[in-house]
N, C-alpha and C. Protein backbone atom coordinates (compact mmCIF):
# COMPACT_ATOMS: atom_id res chain seq x y z
N MET A 1 15.70 7.85 15.56
CA MET A 1 15.23 7.73 14.19
C MET A 1 16.41 7.82 13.23
N ASP A 2 16.34 7.01 12.22
CA ASP A 2 17.38 6.94 11.20
C ASP A 2 17.06 7.96 10.10
N THR A 3 17.96 8.92 9.89
CA THR A 3 17.74 9.98 8.91
C THR A 3 17.55 9.42 7.51
N ARG A 4 18.29 8.37 7.17
CA ARG A 4 18.19 7.78 5.84
C ARG A 4 16.80 7.19 5.63
N LYS A 5 16.30 6.48 6.63
CA LYS A 5 14.97 5.87 6.52
C LYS A 5 13.88 6.95 6.46
N LEU A 6 14.05 8.01 7.21
CA LEU A 6 13.07 9.11 7.17
C LEU A 6 13.06 9.78 5.80
N THR A 7 14.24 9.94 5.21
CA THR A 7 14.35 10.57 3.89
C THR A 7 13.69 9.70 2.83
N ILE A 8 13.97 8.40 2.86
CA ILE A 8 13.35 7.48 1.90
C ILE A 8 11.83 7.43 2.13
N SER A 9 11.41 7.48 3.38
CA SER A 9 9.97 7.51 3.69
C SER A 9 9.31 8.74 3.08
N ALA A 10 9.95 9.89 3.23
CA ALA A 10 9.40 11.13 2.66
C ALA A 10 9.30 11.02 1.13
N MET A 11 10.29 10.38 0.52
CA MET A 11 10.27 10.19 -0.92
C MET A 11 9.08 9.30 -1.31
N PHE A 12 8.90 8.18 -0.61
CA PHE A 12 7.78 7.29 -0.90
C PHE A 12 6.44 8.01 -0.70
N ILE A 13 6.33 8.80 0.35
CA ILE A 13 5.09 9.52 0.62
C ILE A 13 4.79 10.52 -0.50
N SER A 14 5.80 11.27 -0.91
CA SER A 14 5.57 12.26 -1.97
C SER A 14 5.20 11.58 -3.29
N ILE A 15 5.87 10.48 -3.61
CA ILE A 15 5.52 9.74 -4.84
C ILE A 15 4.10 9.21 -4.74
N GLY A 16 3.75 8.69 -3.58
CA GLY A 16 2.40 8.14 -3.39
C GLY A 16 1.31 9.18 -3.53
N VAL A 17 1.56 10.37 -2.99
CA VAL A 17 0.55 11.43 -3.08
C VAL A 17 0.44 11.94 -4.52
N VAL A 18 1.56 12.19 -5.18
CA VAL A 18 1.54 12.76 -6.52
C VAL A 18 1.08 11.74 -7.56
N LEU A 19 1.77 10.60 -7.64
CA LEU A 19 1.41 9.61 -8.66
C LEU A 19 0.10 8.91 -8.34
N GLY A 20 -0.17 8.74 -7.05
CA GLY A 20 -1.41 8.08 -6.66
C GLY A 20 -2.63 8.83 -7.14
N ASN A 21 -2.53 10.11 -7.24
CA ASN A 21 -3.66 10.91 -7.70
C ASN A 21 -3.78 10.92 -9.22
N LEU A 22 -2.74 10.53 -9.90
CA LEU A 22 -2.78 10.48 -11.36
C LEU A 22 -3.30 9.14 -11.88
N VAL A 23 -3.03 8.08 -11.15
CA VAL A 23 -3.39 6.74 -11.60
C VAL A 23 -4.32 6.11 -10.57
N TYR A 24 -5.61 6.07 -10.88
CA TYR A 24 -6.54 5.40 -9.98
C TYR A 24 -7.72 4.86 -10.77
N ILE A 25 -8.40 3.90 -10.15
CA ILE A 25 -9.55 3.25 -10.75
C ILE A 25 -10.76 3.54 -9.87
N PRO A 26 -11.72 4.34 -10.33
CA PRO A 26 -12.91 4.60 -9.50
C PRO A 26 -13.84 3.38 -9.48
N VAL A 27 -14.21 2.95 -8.29
CA VAL A 27 -15.14 1.83 -8.14
C VAL A 27 -16.15 2.23 -7.07
N GLY A 28 -17.32 2.66 -7.48
CA GLY A 28 -18.35 3.08 -6.54
C GLY A 28 -17.85 4.22 -5.67
N VAL A 29 -17.92 4.03 -4.33
CA VAL A 29 -17.49 5.07 -3.40
C VAL A 29 -15.99 5.01 -3.13
N SER A 30 -15.30 4.03 -3.71
CA SER A 30 -13.86 3.91 -3.46
C SER A 30 -13.06 4.31 -4.68
N LYS A 31 -11.82 4.65 -4.43
CA LYS A 31 -10.86 4.90 -5.49
C LYS A 31 -9.71 3.93 -5.26
N CYS A 32 -9.42 3.10 -6.25
CA CYS A 32 -8.37 2.10 -6.11
C CYS A 32 -7.08 2.66 -6.70
N PHE A 33 -6.02 2.67 -5.89
CA PHE A 33 -4.75 3.28 -6.27
C PHE A 33 -3.65 2.21 -6.34
N PRO A 34 -3.36 1.67 -7.54
CA PRO A 34 -2.31 0.65 -7.62
C PRO A 34 -0.93 1.16 -7.21
N ILE A 35 -0.67 2.45 -7.38
CA ILE A 35 0.63 3.02 -6.99
C ILE A 35 0.82 2.88 -5.48
N GLN A 36 -0.25 3.02 -4.70
CA GLN A 36 -0.16 2.85 -3.25
C GLN A 36 0.38 1.46 -2.91
N HIS A 37 -0.07 0.46 -3.63
CA HIS A 37 0.34 -0.91 -3.33
C HIS A 37 1.77 -1.17 -3.79
N THR A 38 2.18 -0.50 -4.87
CA THR A 38 3.57 -0.58 -5.30
C THR A 38 4.47 -0.01 -4.20
N ILE A 39 4.10 1.14 -3.68
CA ILE A 39 4.87 1.79 -2.62
C ILE A 39 4.84 0.94 -1.35
N ASN A 40 3.68 0.36 -1.04
CA ASN A 40 3.61 -0.51 0.13
C ASN A 40 4.63 -1.64 0.03
N LEU A 41 4.70 -2.28 -1.11
CA LEU A 41 5.62 -3.40 -1.29
C LEU A 41 7.07 -2.94 -1.22
N LEU A 42 7.39 -1.87 -1.94
CA LEU A 42 8.78 -1.37 -1.94
C LEU A 42 9.21 -0.91 -0.55
N SER A 43 8.33 -0.21 0.14
CA SER A 43 8.70 0.29 1.47
C SER A 43 8.75 -0.84 2.49
N ALA A 44 7.89 -1.84 2.35
CA ALA A 44 7.93 -2.99 3.26
C ALA A 44 9.25 -3.74 3.13
N ILE A 45 9.73 -3.87 1.90
CA ILE A 45 10.98 -4.60 1.66
C ILE A 45 12.19 -3.78 2.08
N THR A 46 12.17 -2.50 1.80
CA THR A 46 13.36 -1.69 2.08
C THR A 46 13.40 -1.13 3.49
N LEU A 47 12.23 -0.86 4.08
CA LEU A 47 12.21 -0.17 5.38
C LEU A 47 11.59 -0.97 6.52
N GLY A 48 10.82 -1.99 6.21
CA GLY A 48 10.21 -2.80 7.26
C GLY A 48 8.78 -2.45 7.56
N PRO A 49 8.14 -3.23 8.44
CA PRO A 49 6.70 -3.08 8.69
C PRO A 49 6.31 -1.76 9.36
N PHE A 50 7.11 -1.25 10.29
CA PHE A 50 6.75 0.00 10.97
C PHE A 50 6.72 1.16 9.99
N TYR A 51 7.80 1.34 9.24
CA TYR A 51 7.87 2.46 8.30
C TYR A 51 6.85 2.30 7.18
N SER A 52 6.68 1.09 6.64
CA SER A 52 5.74 0.92 5.53
C SER A 52 4.30 1.22 5.97
N THR A 53 3.95 0.83 7.20
CA THR A 53 2.61 1.13 7.71
C THR A 53 2.44 2.63 7.92
N ALA A 54 3.46 3.28 8.46
CA ALA A 54 3.41 4.73 8.66
C ALA A 54 3.32 5.46 7.32
N ILE A 55 4.05 5.00 6.32
CA ILE A 55 4.01 5.60 4.99
C ILE A 55 2.60 5.46 4.40
N ALA A 56 2.01 4.27 4.50
CA ALA A 56 0.66 4.05 4.00
C ALA A 56 -0.34 4.97 4.70
N PHE A 57 -0.20 5.10 6.02
CA PHE A 57 -1.10 5.99 6.77
C PHE A 57 -0.95 7.44 6.31
N LEU A 58 0.29 7.90 6.17
CA LEU A 58 0.51 9.31 5.81
C LEU A 58 0.06 9.62 4.38
N ILE A 59 0.26 8.69 3.45
CA ILE A 59 -0.24 8.90 2.09
C ILE A 59 -1.76 9.02 2.12
N SER A 60 -2.42 8.11 2.84
CA SER A 60 -3.88 8.16 2.95
C SER A 60 -4.34 9.45 3.60
N LEU A 61 -3.66 9.85 4.67
CA LEU A 61 -4.02 11.08 5.38
C LEU A 61 -3.88 12.30 4.49
N ILE A 62 -2.76 12.43 3.82
CA ILE A 62 -2.53 13.60 2.95
C ILE A 62 -3.55 13.62 1.82
N ARG A 63 -3.80 12.46 1.19
CA ARG A 63 -4.79 12.42 0.11
C ARG A 63 -6.16 12.82 0.62
N ASN A 64 -6.52 12.43 1.83
CA ASN A 64 -7.81 12.83 2.40
C ASN A 64 -7.83 14.33 2.71
N LEU A 65 -6.74 14.85 3.24
CA LEU A 65 -6.68 16.28 3.58
C LEU A 65 -6.78 17.18 2.36
N ILE A 66 -6.21 16.73 1.23
CA ILE A 66 -6.27 17.56 0.02
C ILE A 66 -7.49 17.22 -0.85
N GLY A 67 -8.33 16.30 -0.37
CA GLY A 67 -9.59 16.01 -1.05
C GLY A 67 -9.50 15.04 -2.21
N THR A 68 -8.43 14.29 -2.31
CA THR A 68 -8.29 13.35 -3.43
C THR A 68 -8.37 11.90 -2.98
N GLY A 69 -8.58 11.66 -1.70
CA GLY A 69 -8.62 10.30 -1.19
C GLY A 69 -9.96 9.98 -0.58
N SER A 70 -10.00 8.83 0.04
CA SER A 70 -11.21 8.35 0.68
C SER A 70 -10.82 7.71 2.01
N PHE A 71 -11.74 7.72 2.96
CA PHE A 71 -11.48 7.05 4.24
C PHE A 71 -11.17 5.57 4.04
N LEU A 72 -11.63 5.02 2.94
CA LEU A 72 -11.42 3.61 2.66
C LEU A 72 -9.96 3.29 2.37
N ALA A 73 -9.15 4.31 2.13
CA ALA A 73 -7.72 4.09 1.86
C ALA A 73 -6.97 3.63 3.09
N PHE A 74 -7.42 4.02 4.25
CA PHE A 74 -6.67 3.71 5.47
C PHE A 74 -6.54 2.22 5.76
N PRO A 75 -7.64 1.49 5.87
CA PRO A 75 -7.47 0.09 6.30
C PRO A 75 -6.71 -0.76 5.30
N GLY A 76 -7.06 -0.67 4.04
CA GLY A 76 -6.41 -1.51 3.03
C GLY A 76 -4.93 -1.24 2.91
N SER A 77 -4.58 0.02 2.78
CA SER A 77 -3.17 0.33 2.58
C SER A 77 -2.34 -0.02 3.80
N MET A 78 -2.86 0.26 4.98
CA MET A 78 -2.08 0.02 6.20
C MET A 78 -1.96 -1.47 6.53
N ILE A 79 -3.03 -2.22 6.38
CA ILE A 79 -2.97 -3.65 6.66
C ILE A 79 -2.05 -4.34 5.65
N GLY A 80 -2.17 -3.96 4.39
CA GLY A 80 -1.31 -4.55 3.36
C GLY A 80 0.16 -4.24 3.58
N ALA A 81 0.47 -3.00 3.89
CA ALA A 81 1.86 -2.60 4.13
C ALA A 81 2.44 -3.34 5.33
N PHE A 82 1.64 -3.44 6.39
CA PHE A 82 2.10 -4.13 7.61
C PHE A 82 2.36 -5.61 7.34
N LEU A 83 1.41 -6.29 6.71
CA LEU A 83 1.61 -7.72 6.43
C LEU A 83 2.79 -7.95 5.49
N ALA A 84 2.92 -7.13 4.47
CA ALA A 84 4.05 -7.27 3.55
C ALA A 84 5.37 -7.11 4.30
N GLY A 85 5.43 -6.11 5.18
CA GLY A 85 6.65 -5.87 5.94
C GLY A 85 6.98 -7.01 6.90
N VAL A 86 5.97 -7.52 7.59
CA VAL A 86 6.20 -8.63 8.53
C VAL A 86 6.65 -9.88 7.79
N ILE A 87 5.97 -10.20 6.70
CA ILE A 87 6.33 -11.40 5.94
C ILE A 87 7.73 -11.28 5.37
N TYR A 88 8.06 -10.10 4.82
CA TYR A 88 9.41 -9.94 4.28
C TYR A 88 10.47 -10.03 5.38
N LYS A 89 10.18 -9.44 6.51
CA LYS A 89 11.13 -9.47 7.63
C LYS A 89 11.42 -10.91 8.06
N LYS A 90 10.39 -11.75 8.03
CA LYS A 90 10.55 -13.14 8.47
C LYS A 90 11.13 -14.05 7.39
N THR A 91 10.80 -13.79 6.12
CA THR A 91 11.18 -14.71 5.05
C THR A 91 12.26 -14.19 4.11
N LYS A 92 12.44 -12.89 4.03
CA LYS A 92 13.34 -12.24 3.06
C LYS A 92 12.97 -12.60 1.63
N ASN A 93 11.67 -12.82 1.39
CA ASN A 93 11.17 -13.22 0.08
C ASN A 93 10.22 -12.14 -0.43
N SER A 94 10.57 -11.52 -1.56
CA SER A 94 9.75 -10.43 -2.09
C SER A 94 8.40 -10.94 -2.59
N TYR A 95 8.34 -12.18 -3.08
CA TYR A 95 7.06 -12.74 -3.51
C TYR A 95 6.15 -12.98 -2.31
N GLY A 96 6.73 -13.42 -1.21
CA GLY A 96 5.96 -13.57 0.02
C GLY A 96 5.42 -12.24 0.50
N ALA A 97 6.25 -11.20 0.40
CA ALA A 97 5.81 -9.86 0.78
C ALA A 97 4.66 -9.40 -0.12
N ALA A 98 4.75 -9.71 -1.41
CA ALA A 98 3.67 -9.34 -2.34
C ALA A 98 2.37 -10.07 -1.98
N ILE A 99 2.47 -11.32 -1.59
CA ILE A 99 1.28 -12.06 -1.17
C ILE A 99 0.70 -11.43 0.10
N GLY A 100 1.56 -11.01 1.02
CA GLY A 100 1.09 -10.32 2.22
C GLY A 100 0.38 -9.03 1.87
N GLU A 101 0.91 -8.27 0.93
CA GLU A 101 0.28 -7.03 0.48
C GLU A 101 -1.08 -7.33 -0.15
N ILE A 102 -1.12 -8.34 -1.00
CA ILE A 102 -2.36 -8.67 -1.70
C ILE A 102 -3.43 -9.15 -0.72
N PHE A 103 -3.07 -10.05 0.17
CA PHE A 103 -4.04 -10.55 1.14
C PHE A 103 -4.45 -9.45 2.12
N GLY A 104 -3.46 -8.70 2.60
CA GLY A 104 -3.76 -7.65 3.58
C GLY A 104 -4.61 -6.53 3.02
N ALA A 105 -4.22 -6.01 1.87
CA ALA A 105 -4.96 -4.89 1.28
C ALA A 105 -6.22 -5.36 0.57
N GLY A 106 -6.11 -6.45 -0.18
CA GLY A 106 -7.24 -6.90 -0.98
C GLY A 106 -8.34 -7.55 -0.18
N VAL A 107 -7.98 -8.54 0.62
CA VAL A 107 -8.99 -9.30 1.35
C VAL A 107 -9.32 -8.63 2.69
N LEU A 108 -8.33 -8.50 3.56
CA LEU A 108 -8.58 -7.92 4.88
C LEU A 108 -8.99 -6.44 4.77
N GLY A 109 -8.30 -5.70 3.92
CA GLY A 109 -8.65 -4.29 3.72
C GLY A 109 -10.03 -4.13 3.11
N GLY A 110 -10.35 -5.00 2.14
CA GLY A 110 -11.67 -4.96 1.52
C GLY A 110 -12.78 -5.24 2.52
N LEU A 111 -12.55 -6.21 3.40
CA LEU A 111 -13.55 -6.53 4.42
C LEU A 111 -13.64 -5.43 5.47
N THR A 112 -12.51 -4.84 5.82
CA THR A 112 -12.50 -3.76 6.82
C THR A 112 -13.15 -2.50 6.28
N ALA A 113 -13.13 -2.32 4.97
CA ALA A 113 -13.73 -1.13 4.36
C ALA A 113 -15.25 -1.11 4.50
N PHE A 114 -15.84 -2.31 4.61
CA PHE A 114 -17.30 -2.38 4.69
C PHE A 114 -17.87 -1.58 5.86
N PRO A 115 -17.43 -1.80 7.11
CA PRO A 115 -18.02 -1.01 8.20
C PRO A 115 -17.70 0.49 8.09
N ILE A 116 -16.56 0.82 7.51
CA ILE A 116 -16.23 2.24 7.33
C ILE A 116 -17.21 2.87 6.35
N ALA A 117 -17.44 2.18 5.23
CA ALA A 117 -18.37 2.70 4.22
C ALA A 117 -19.78 2.79 4.78
N LYS A 118 -20.19 1.77 5.51
CA LYS A 118 -21.57 1.72 5.99
C LYS A 118 -21.83 2.67 7.16
N TYR A 119 -20.98 2.63 8.16
CA TYR A 119 -21.27 3.35 9.40
C TYR A 119 -20.64 4.75 9.48
N ILE A 120 -19.55 4.95 8.81
CA ILE A 120 -18.90 6.28 8.85
C ILE A 120 -19.30 7.12 7.64
N MET A 121 -19.30 6.48 6.46
CA MET A 121 -19.61 7.22 5.24
C MET A 121 -21.11 7.15 4.89
N GLY A 122 -21.86 6.27 5.56
CA GLY A 122 -23.30 6.17 5.31
C GLY A 122 -23.67 5.57 3.97
N LYS A 123 -22.81 4.72 3.41
CA LYS A 123 -23.08 4.10 2.11
C LYS A 123 -23.61 2.69 2.32
N GLU A 124 -24.64 2.34 1.57
CA GLU A 124 -25.22 1.00 1.67
C GLU A 124 -24.47 0.07 0.71
N VAL A 125 -23.66 -0.79 1.26
CA VAL A 125 -22.91 -1.77 0.47
C VAL A 125 -22.96 -3.11 1.19
N ILE A 126 -22.68 -4.18 0.45
CA ILE A 126 -22.62 -5.50 1.08
C ILE A 126 -21.20 -5.75 1.57
N ALA A 127 -21.04 -6.73 2.44
CA ALA A 127 -19.77 -6.96 3.13
C ALA A 127 -18.60 -7.19 2.18
N PHE A 128 -18.79 -7.91 1.10
CA PHE A 128 -17.67 -8.23 0.21
C PHE A 128 -17.54 -7.27 -0.98
N PHE A 129 -18.27 -6.17 -0.95
CA PHE A 129 -18.31 -5.23 -2.06
C PHE A 129 -16.92 -4.73 -2.46
N PHE A 130 -16.05 -4.46 -1.50
CA PHE A 130 -14.75 -3.85 -1.79
C PHE A 130 -13.64 -4.86 -2.06
N VAL A 131 -13.87 -6.13 -1.76
CA VAL A 131 -12.79 -7.11 -1.90
C VAL A 131 -12.32 -7.21 -3.35
N TYR A 132 -13.22 -7.34 -4.29
CA TYR A 132 -12.83 -7.49 -5.69
C TYR A 132 -12.05 -6.27 -6.23
N PRO A 133 -12.57 -5.05 -6.09
CA PRO A 133 -11.79 -3.92 -6.61
C PRO A 133 -10.48 -3.71 -5.85
N PHE A 134 -10.47 -3.96 -4.54
CA PHE A 134 -9.23 -3.83 -3.79
C PHE A 134 -8.22 -4.87 -4.24
N LEU A 135 -8.69 -6.09 -4.53
CA LEU A 135 -7.79 -7.14 -5.03
C LEU A 135 -7.20 -6.74 -6.38
N LEU A 136 -8.03 -6.22 -7.27
CA LEU A 136 -7.52 -5.79 -8.58
C LEU A 136 -6.43 -4.74 -8.43
N SER A 137 -6.69 -3.78 -7.58
CA SER A 137 -5.75 -2.69 -7.36
C SER A 137 -4.44 -3.20 -6.76
N THR A 138 -4.54 -4.03 -5.73
CA THR A 138 -3.34 -4.49 -5.04
C THR A 138 -2.55 -5.50 -5.87
N ILE A 139 -3.24 -6.32 -6.66
CA ILE A 139 -2.51 -7.25 -7.53
C ILE A 139 -1.72 -6.46 -8.57
N GLY A 140 -2.38 -5.47 -9.19
CA GLY A 140 -1.68 -4.63 -10.16
C GLY A 140 -0.50 -3.90 -9.56
N GLY A 141 -0.71 -3.28 -8.40
CA GLY A 141 0.36 -2.54 -7.75
C GLY A 141 1.49 -3.44 -7.28
N SER A 142 1.14 -4.64 -6.81
CA SER A 142 2.18 -5.58 -6.36
C SER A 142 3.01 -6.09 -7.53
N ILE A 143 2.36 -6.33 -8.67
CA ILE A 143 3.10 -6.75 -9.86
C ILE A 143 4.08 -5.66 -10.28
N ILE A 144 3.62 -4.41 -10.29
CA ILE A 144 4.52 -3.30 -10.62
C ILE A 144 5.69 -3.26 -9.64
N GLY A 145 5.41 -3.44 -8.35
CA GLY A 145 6.47 -3.44 -7.34
C GLY A 145 7.47 -4.56 -7.57
N LEU A 146 6.99 -5.76 -7.88
CA LEU A 146 7.89 -6.89 -8.13
C LEU A 146 8.75 -6.65 -9.37
N ILE A 147 8.16 -6.05 -10.39
CA ILE A 147 8.93 -5.72 -11.60
C ILE A 147 10.03 -4.70 -11.26
N LEU A 148 9.68 -3.68 -10.48
CA LEU A 148 10.69 -2.69 -10.09
C LEU A 148 11.81 -3.33 -9.26
N ILE A 149 11.46 -4.22 -8.37
CA ILE A 149 12.48 -4.91 -7.57
C ILE A 149 13.40 -5.71 -8.48
N LYS A 150 12.82 -6.40 -9.45
CA LYS A 150 13.62 -7.18 -10.40
C LYS A 150 14.56 -6.26 -11.20
N ILE A 151 14.03 -5.11 -11.63
CA ILE A 151 14.86 -4.14 -12.37
C ILE A 151 16.00 -3.64 -11.48
N PHE A 152 15.67 -3.25 -10.25
CA PHE A 152 16.70 -2.77 -9.33
C PHE A 152 17.77 -3.82 -9.10
N ASN A 153 17.35 -5.06 -8.92
CA ASN A 153 18.31 -6.14 -8.70
C ASN A 153 19.17 -6.38 -9.92
N SER A 154 18.59 -6.30 -11.13
CA SER A 154 19.37 -6.51 -12.35
C SER A 154 20.36 -5.37 -12.59
N MET A 155 20.03 -4.19 -12.10
CA MET A 155 20.93 -3.04 -12.23
C MET A 155 21.95 -3.02 -11.10
N LYS A 156 21.87 -4.01 -10.24
CA LYS A 156 22.77 -4.13 -9.09
C LYS A 156 22.58 -2.98 -8.10
N CYS A 157 21.35 -2.43 -8.05
CA CYS A 157 21.04 -1.42 -7.04
C CYS A 157 21.07 -2.10 -5.69
N ASN A 158 21.73 -1.50 -4.77
CA ASN A 158 21.88 -2.10 -3.45
C ASN A 158 20.77 -1.63 -2.53
N LEU A 159 19.66 -2.38 -2.51
CA LEU A 159 18.56 -2.05 -1.64
C LEU A 159 18.88 -2.40 -0.19
N LYS A 160 19.94 -3.17 0.00
CA LYS A 160 20.27 -3.62 1.35
C LYS A 160 20.76 -2.48 2.24
N ILE A 161 21.15 -1.36 1.67
CA ILE A 161 21.60 -0.24 2.52
C ILE A 161 20.48 0.29 3.38
N LEU A 162 19.25 0.00 2.98
CA LEU A 162 18.10 0.50 3.74
C LEU A 162 17.50 -0.57 4.64
N LYS A 163 17.89 -1.81 4.44
CA LYS A 163 17.23 -2.90 5.14
C LYS A 163 17.36 -2.74 6.64
N HIS A 164 16.33 -3.13 7.32
CA HIS A 164 16.24 -3.05 8.76
C HIS A 164 16.99 -4.19 9.41
């Protein structure tokens, strides 16, 4: 394990838990966290698909353990982080990574949330119920992430020191 990547991961996790609880959009039984998607994009670009997926899982786990999250956070955040990381690894394009985050968390995560809500949480919802709010959350978070990447690049911050 790379100590630098673990340290950056811990930073992303702590930011996700703290800021994620301050900024969220309640939608029915779900809570949409745009900060989670910002972190997914940033971690996917800087650390790769394995670390970004692990970071998404740990943020969701900690938020659930402290009572501020929902089981619905797991599929969306993890699928989005993984797809963003894989796409960035293959293309080196931050916009492509953002599309992976949006499709993974918004569409695939929204669809995956349905059986979790229905069969685990006992909530009566229709299959596409979560897609729209998840898309809103992930589009907002991805835009914030792209803006931060642009700022970092304009400041000549060297994100490449973390690249996989």
